[in-house]
């Protein structure tokens, strides 16, 4: 049996470090809020969902893609972001969505911590966390909540960025 080289050992240590960081992040996210966003078994069929001012989503049944758009990361007064994300992920699960497109181009402000349910929901669904399951749309006008969300998604999922 041969001894692995220094490069192989370094890759193994890096992989192990990333696994621990991800585990710690998941625990922190699990403890940070009260709203569950794990996959449910409640059957719902949703093709189009109403347009809220600060955030909205739609589901395309033909290609089973969920499109989420944020303009601000704050409650619009009628539904909290946690409730919105729970509803969006429940609809995506019941529609059998294969892809999630998160449009962050128009975020003009808000609280970046309110995007925790988005990250938690993506990490709870392997199909969105792996390459080809998550697309993040960013733009030059995106403010810090969008940048923070994009950075976290890049670090803990495997998104494709679209500009």
C-alpha atoms as a PDB file:
ATOM      1  CA  UNK A   1       0.000   0.000   0.000  1.00  0.00           C
ATOM      2  CA  UNK A   2       1.394   3.385  -0.910  1.00  0.00           C
ATOM      3  CA  UNK A   3       1.363   6.486   1.240  1.00  0.00           C
ATOM      4  CA  UNK A   4      -0.835   9.292  -0.205  1.00  0.00           C
ATOM      5  CA  UNK A   5       1.080  12.354  -1.321  1.00  0.00           C
ATOM      6  CA  UNK A   6       0.873  15.761   0.365  1.00  0.00           C
ATOM      7  CA  UNK A   7      -1.624  17.060  -2.231  1.00  0.00           C
ATOM      8  CA  UNK A   8      -4.037  14.202  -1.555  1.00  0.00           C
ATOM      9  CA  UNK A   9      -3.753  14.741   2.192  1.00  0.00           C
ATOM     10  CA  UNK A  10      -4.355  18.478   1.750  1.00  0.00           C
ATOM     11  CA  UNK A  11      -7.488  17.813  -0.348  1.00  0.00           C
ATOM     12  CA  UNK A  12      -8.749  15.389   2.304  1.00  0.00           C
ATOM     13  CA  UNK A  13      -8.186  17.963   5.088  1.00  0.00           C
ATOM     14  CA  UNK A  14      -9.930  20.682   3.027  1.00  0.00           C
ATOM     15  CA  UNK A  15     -12.887  18.400   2.348  1.00  0.00           C
ATOM     16  CA  UNK A  16     -13.128  17.496   6.027  1.00  0.00           C
ATOM     17  CA  UNK A  17     -12.948  21.180   7.020  1.00  0.00           C
ATOM     18  CA  UNK A  18     -15.728  22.077   4.594  1.00  0.00           C
ATOM     19  CA  UNK A  19     -17.869  19.235   5.947  1.00  0.00           C
ATOM     20  CA  UNK A  20     -17.448  20.502   9.514  1.00  0.00           C
ATOM     21  CA  UNK A  21     -18.187  24.093   8.500  1.00  0.00           C
ATOM     22  CA  UNK A  22     -21.320  22.982   6.675  1.00  0.00           C
ATOM     23  CA  UNK A  23     -22.432  20.926   9.677  1.00  0.00           C
ATOM     24  CA  UNK A  24     -21.935  23.883  12.019  1.00  0.00           C
ATOM     25  CA  UNK A  25     -23.810  26.196   9.630  1.00  0.00           C
ATOM     26  CA  UNK A  26     -26.712  23.757   9.363  1.00  0.00           C
ATOM     27  CA  UNK A  27     -26.954  23.517  13.152  1.00  0.00           C
ATOM     28  CA  UNK A  28     -26.830  27.313  13.468  1.00  0.00           C
ATOM     29  CA  UNK A  29     -29.494  27.741  10.803  1.00  0.00           C
ATOM     30  CA  UNK A  30     -31.672  25.083  12.404  1.00  0.00           C
ATOM     31  CA  UNK A  31     -31.560  26.960  15.690  1.00  0.00           C
ATOM     32  CA  UNK A  32     -32.048  30.442  14.250  1.00  0.00           C
ATOM     33  CA  UNK A  33     -35.750  30.346  13.443  1.00  0.00           C
ATOM     34  CA  UNK A  34     -39.031  28.718  14.181  1.00  0.00           C
ATOM     35  CA  UNK A  35     -40.347  28.023  10.682  1.00  0.00           C
ATOM     36  CA  UNK A  36     -39.597  24.617   9.169  1.00  0.00           C
ATOM     37  CA  UNK A  37     -38.716  24.537   5.481  1.00  0.00           C
ATOM     38  CA  UNK A  38     -37.859  20.865   5.092  1.00  0.00           C
ATOM     39  CA  UNK A  39     -39.597  18.877   2.353  1.00  0.00           C
ATOM     40  CA  UNK A  40     -43.177  18.062   3.246  1.00  0.00           C
ATOM     41  CA  UNK A  41     -45.582  15.401   2.118  1.00  0.00           C
ATOM     42  CA  UNK A  42     -48.634  17.643   1.695  1.00  0.00           C
ATOM     43  CA  UNK A  43     -49.764  17.452  -1.941  1.00  0.00           C
ATOM     44  CA  UNK A  44     -50.328  20.861  -3.500  1.00  0.00           C
ATOM     45  CA  UNK A  45     -50.428  21.817  -7.144  1.00  0.00           C
ATOM     46  CA  UNK A  46     -49.335  25.355  -7.842  1.00  0.00           C
ATOM     47  CA  UNK A  47     -48.635  26.798 -11.265  1.00  0.00           C
ATOM     48  CA  UNK A  48     -48.581  30.528 -10.556  1.00  0.00           C
ATOM     49  CA  UNK A  49     -48.513  32.364  -7.254  1.00  0.00           C
ATOM     50  CA  UNK A  50     -49.625  35.935  -6.590  1.00  0.00           C
ATOM     51  CA  UNK A  51     -47.178  38.781  -7.006  1.00  0.00           C
ATOM     52  CA  UNK A  52     -46.100  40.289  -3.706  1.00  0.00           C
ATOM     53  CA  UNK A  53     -44.315  43.607  -3.761  1.00  0.00           C
ATOM     54  CA  UNK A  54     -41.078  42.585  -2.041  1.00  0.00           C
ATOM     55  CA  UNK A  55     -40.928  38.952  -3.168  1.00  0.00           C
ATOM     56  CA  UNK A  56     -42.793  36.565  -5.422  1.00  0.00           C
ATOM     57  CA  UNK A  57     -42.453  33.162  -7.043  1.00  0.00           C
ATOM     58  CA  UNK A  58     -43.868  31.150  -9.894  1.00  0.00           C
ATOM     59  CA  UNK A  59     -43.582  27.530 -10.962  1.00  0.00           C
ATOM     60  CA  UNK A  60     -43.312  26.481 -14.573  1.00  0.00           C
ATOM     61  CA  UNK A  61     -44.952  23.036 -14.833  1.00  0.00           C
ATOM     62  CA  UNK A  62     -43.455  22.305 -18.266  1.00  0.00           C
ATOM     63  CA  UNK A  63     -39.826  22.363 -17.091  1.00  0.00           C
ATOM     64  CA  UNK A  64     -40.549  22.074 -13.330  1.00  0.00           C
ATOM     65  CA  UNK A  65     -38.627  25.232 -12.513  1.00  0.00           C
ATOM     66  CA  UNK A  66     -39.353  27.525  -9.577  1.00  0.00           C
ATOM     67  CA  UNK A  67     -38.528  31.200 -10.098  1.00  0.00           C
ATOM     68  CA  UNK A  68     -38.171  33.345  -6.973  1.00  0.00           C
ATOM     69  CA  UNK A  69     -37.754  37.103  -7.239  1.00  0.00           C
ATOM     70  CA  UNK A  70     -36.798  39.483  -4.451  1.00  0.00           C
ATOM     71  CA  UNK A  71     -36.883  43.270  -4.636  1.00  0.00           C
ATOM     72  CA  UNK A  72     -36.406  43.807  -0.905  1.00  0.00           C
ATOM     73  CA  UNK A  73     -35.506  41.436   1.875  1.00  0.00           C
ATOM     74  CA  UNK A  74     -38.121  42.521   4.375  1.00  0.00           C
ATOM     75  CA  UNK A  75     -41.698  41.602   5.139  1.00  0.00           C
ATOM     76  CA  UNK A  76     -44.270  43.249   2.921  1.00  0.00           C
ATOM     77  CA  UNK A  77     -46.688  43.471   5.847  1.00  0.00           C
ATOM     78  CA  UNK A  78     -48.957  40.632   4.751  1.00  0.00           C
ATOM     79  CA  UNK A  79     -46.597  37.650   4.906  1.00  0.00           C
ATOM     80  CA  UNK A  80     -43.241  37.218   6.619  1.00  0.00           C
ATOM     81  CA  UNK A  81     -40.277  36.084   4.549  1.00  0.00           C
ATOM     82  CA  UNK A  82     -40.163  32.853   6.593  1.00  0.00           C
ATOM     83  CA  UNK A  83     -43.818  32.144   5.771  1.00  0.00           C
ATOM     84  CA  UNK A  84     -43.236  33.054   2.119  1.00  0.00           C
ATOM     85  CA  UNK A  85     -40.223  30.725   1.862  1.00  0.00           C
ATOM     86  CA  UNK A  86     -42.107  27.910   3.598  1.00  0.00           C
ATOM     87  CA  UNK A  87     -45.000  28.338   1.130  1.00  0.00           C
ATOM     88  CA  UNK A  88     -42.636  28.527  -1.853  1.00  0.00           C
ATOM     89  CA  UNK A  89     -40.687  25.381  -0.877  1.00  0.00           C
ATOM     90  CA  UNK A  90     -43.903  23.466  -0.081  1.00  0.00           C
ATOM     91  CA  UNK A  91     -45.248  24.402  -3.520  1.00  0.00           C
ATOM     92  CA  UNK A  92     -41.946  23.428  -5.169  1.00  0.00           C
ATOM     93  CA  UNK A  93     -41.986  20.061  -3.401  1.00  0.00           C
ATOM     94  CA  UNK A  94     -45.557  19.276  -4.367  1.00  0.00           C
ATOM     95  CA  UNK A  95     -44.950  20.340  -7.989  1.00  0.00           C
ATOM     96  CA  UNK A  96     -41.879  18.099  -8.175  1.00  0.00           C
ATOM     97  CA  UNK A  97     -39.640  21.044  -9.084  1.00  0.00           C
ATOM     98  CA  UNK A  98     -36.189  20.104 -10.352  1.00  0.00           C
ATOM     99  CA  UNK A  99     -34.647  23.574 -10.567  1.00  0.00           C
ATOM    100  CA  UNK A 100     -34.713  26.748  -8.504  1.00  0.00           C
ATOM    101  CA  UNK A 101     -33.934  30.144 -10.021  1.00  0.00           C
ATOM    102  CA  UNK A 102     -33.322  32.857  -7.406  1.00  0.00           C
ATOM    103  CA  UNK A 103     -33.393  36.363  -8.895  1.00  0.00           C
ATOM    104  CA  UNK A 104     -31.434  38.751  -6.670  1.00  0.00           C
ATOM    105  CA  UNK A 105     -30.910  41.514  -9.272  1.00  0.00           C
ATOM    106  CA  UNK A 106     -33.451  43.948  -7.893  1.00  0.00           C
ATOM    107  CA  UNK A 107     -32.753  43.774  -4.159  1.00  0.00           C
ATOM    108  CA  UNK A 108     -32.554  47.370  -3.011  1.00  0.00           C
ATOM    109  CA  UNK A 109     -32.225  46.771   0.707  1.00  0.00           C
ATOM    110  CA  UNK A 110     -33.362  44.812   3.689  1.00  0.00           C
ATOM    111  CA  UNK A 111     -32.025  42.441   6.292  1.00  0.00           C
ATOM    112  CA  UNK A 112     -29.704  39.735   4.973  1.00  0.00           C
ATOM    113  CA  UNK A 113     -30.497  37.467   7.950  1.00  0.00           C
ATOM    114  CA  UNK A 114     -34.017  37.115   6.614  1.00  0.00           C
ATOM    115  CA  UNK A 115     -32.576  35.047   3.750  1.00  0.00           C
ATOM    116  CA  UNK A 116     -31.688  32.262   6.202  1.00  0.00           C
ATOM    117  CA  UNK A 117     -34.911  30.370   5.301  1.00  0.00           C
ATOM    118  CA  UNK A 118     -33.804  30.393   1.641  1.00  0.00           C
ATOM    119  CA  UNK A 119     -30.448  28.835   2.455  1.00  0.00           C
ATOM    120  CA  UNK A 120     -32.015  26.382   4.886  1.00  0.00           C
ATOM    121  CA  UNK A 121     -34.585  25.307   2.296  1.00  0.00           C
ATOM    122  CA  UNK A 122     -31.976  24.835  -0.441  1.00  0.00           C
ATOM    123  CA  UNK A 123     -29.729  22.771   1.839  1.00  0.00           C
ATOM    124  CA  UNK A 124     -32.693  20.588   2.857  1.00  0.00           C
ATOM    125  CA  UNK A 125     -33.275  19.662  -0.814  1.00  0.00           C
ATOM    126  CA  UNK A 126     -30.366  17.911  -2.462  1.00  0.00           C
ATOM    127  CA  UNK A 127     -31.823  18.486  -5.942  1.00  0.00           C
ATOM    128  CA  UNK A 128     -31.413  22.251  -5.473  1.00  0.00           C
ATOM    129  CA  UNK A 129     -28.041  22.084  -3.715  1.00  0.00           C
ATOM    130  CA  UNK A 130     -26.301  20.113  -6.453  1.00  0.00           C
ATOM    131  CA  UNK A 131     -24.916  21.518  -9.728  1.00  0.00           C
ATOM    132  CA  UNK A 132     -27.677  22.347 -12.215  1.00  0.00           C
ATOM    133  CA  UNK A 133     -30.421  22.527  -9.582  1.00  0.00           C
ATOM    134  CA  UNK A 134     -29.854  26.114  -8.458  1.00  0.00           C
ATOM    135  CA  UNK A 135     -29.407  29.229 -10.579  1.00  0.00           C
ATOM    136  CA  UNK A 136     -28.703  32.590  -8.945  1.00  0.00           C
ATOM    137  CA  UNK A 137     -29.321  35.720 -11.010  1.00  0.00           C
ATOM    138  CA  UNK A 138     -27.233  38.701  -9.905  1.00  0.00           C
ATOM    139  CA  UNK A 139     -26.674  42.185 -11.270  1.00  0.00           C
ATOM    140  CA  UNK A 140     -24.689  45.367 -10.822  1.00  0.00           C
ATOM    141  CA  UNK A 141     -27.489  47.036  -8.847  1.00  0.00           C
ATOM    142  CA  UNK A 142     -27.695  44.287  -6.197  1.00  0.00           C
ATOM    143  CA  UNK A 143     -27.129  45.569  -2.659  1.00  0.00           C
ATOM    144  CA  UNK A 144     -25.573  43.798   0.310  1.00  0.00           C
ATOM    145  CA  UNK A 145     -28.422  41.376   1.160  1.00  0.00           C
ATOM    146  CA  UNK A 146     -28.168  39.977  -2.385  1.00  0.00           C
ATOM    147  CA  UNK A 147     -24.392  39.782  -2.185  1.00  0.00           C
ATOM    148  CA  UNK A 148     -24.571  38.007   1.171  1.00  0.00           C
ATOM    149  CA  UNK A 149     -27.155  35.527  -0.106  1.00  0.00           C
ATOM    150  CA  UNK A 150     -25.136  34.827  -3.268  1.00  0.00           C
ATOM    151  CA  UNK A 151     -21.976  34.289  -1.224  1.00  0.00           C
ATOM    152  CA  UNK A 152     -23.667  31.865   1.186  1.00  0.00           C
ATOM    153  CA  UNK A 153     -25.345  29.957  -1.629  1.00  0.00           C
ATOM    154  CA  UNK A 154     -22.000  29.705  -3.447  1.00  0.00           C
ATOM    155  CA  UNK A 155     -20.268  28.509  -0.304  1.00  0.00           C
ATOM    156  CA  UNK A 156     -22.771  25.849   0.759  1.00  0.00           C
ATOM    157  CA  UNK A 157     -24.612  24.837  -2.411  1.00  0.00           C
ATOM    158  CA  UNK A 158     -23.414  24.469  -5.971  1.00  0.00           C
ATOM    159  CA  UNK A 159     -25.238  27.233  -7.894  1.00  0.00           C
ATOM    160  CA  UNK A 160     -24.781  28.430 -11.434  1.00  0.00           C
ATOM    161  CA  UNK A 161     -24.546  32.221 -11.470  1.00  0.00           C
ATOM    162  CA  UNK A 162     -26.258  34.182 -14.235  1.00  0.00           C
ATOM    163  CA  UNK A 163     -25.628  37.832 -14.839  1.00  0.00           C
END
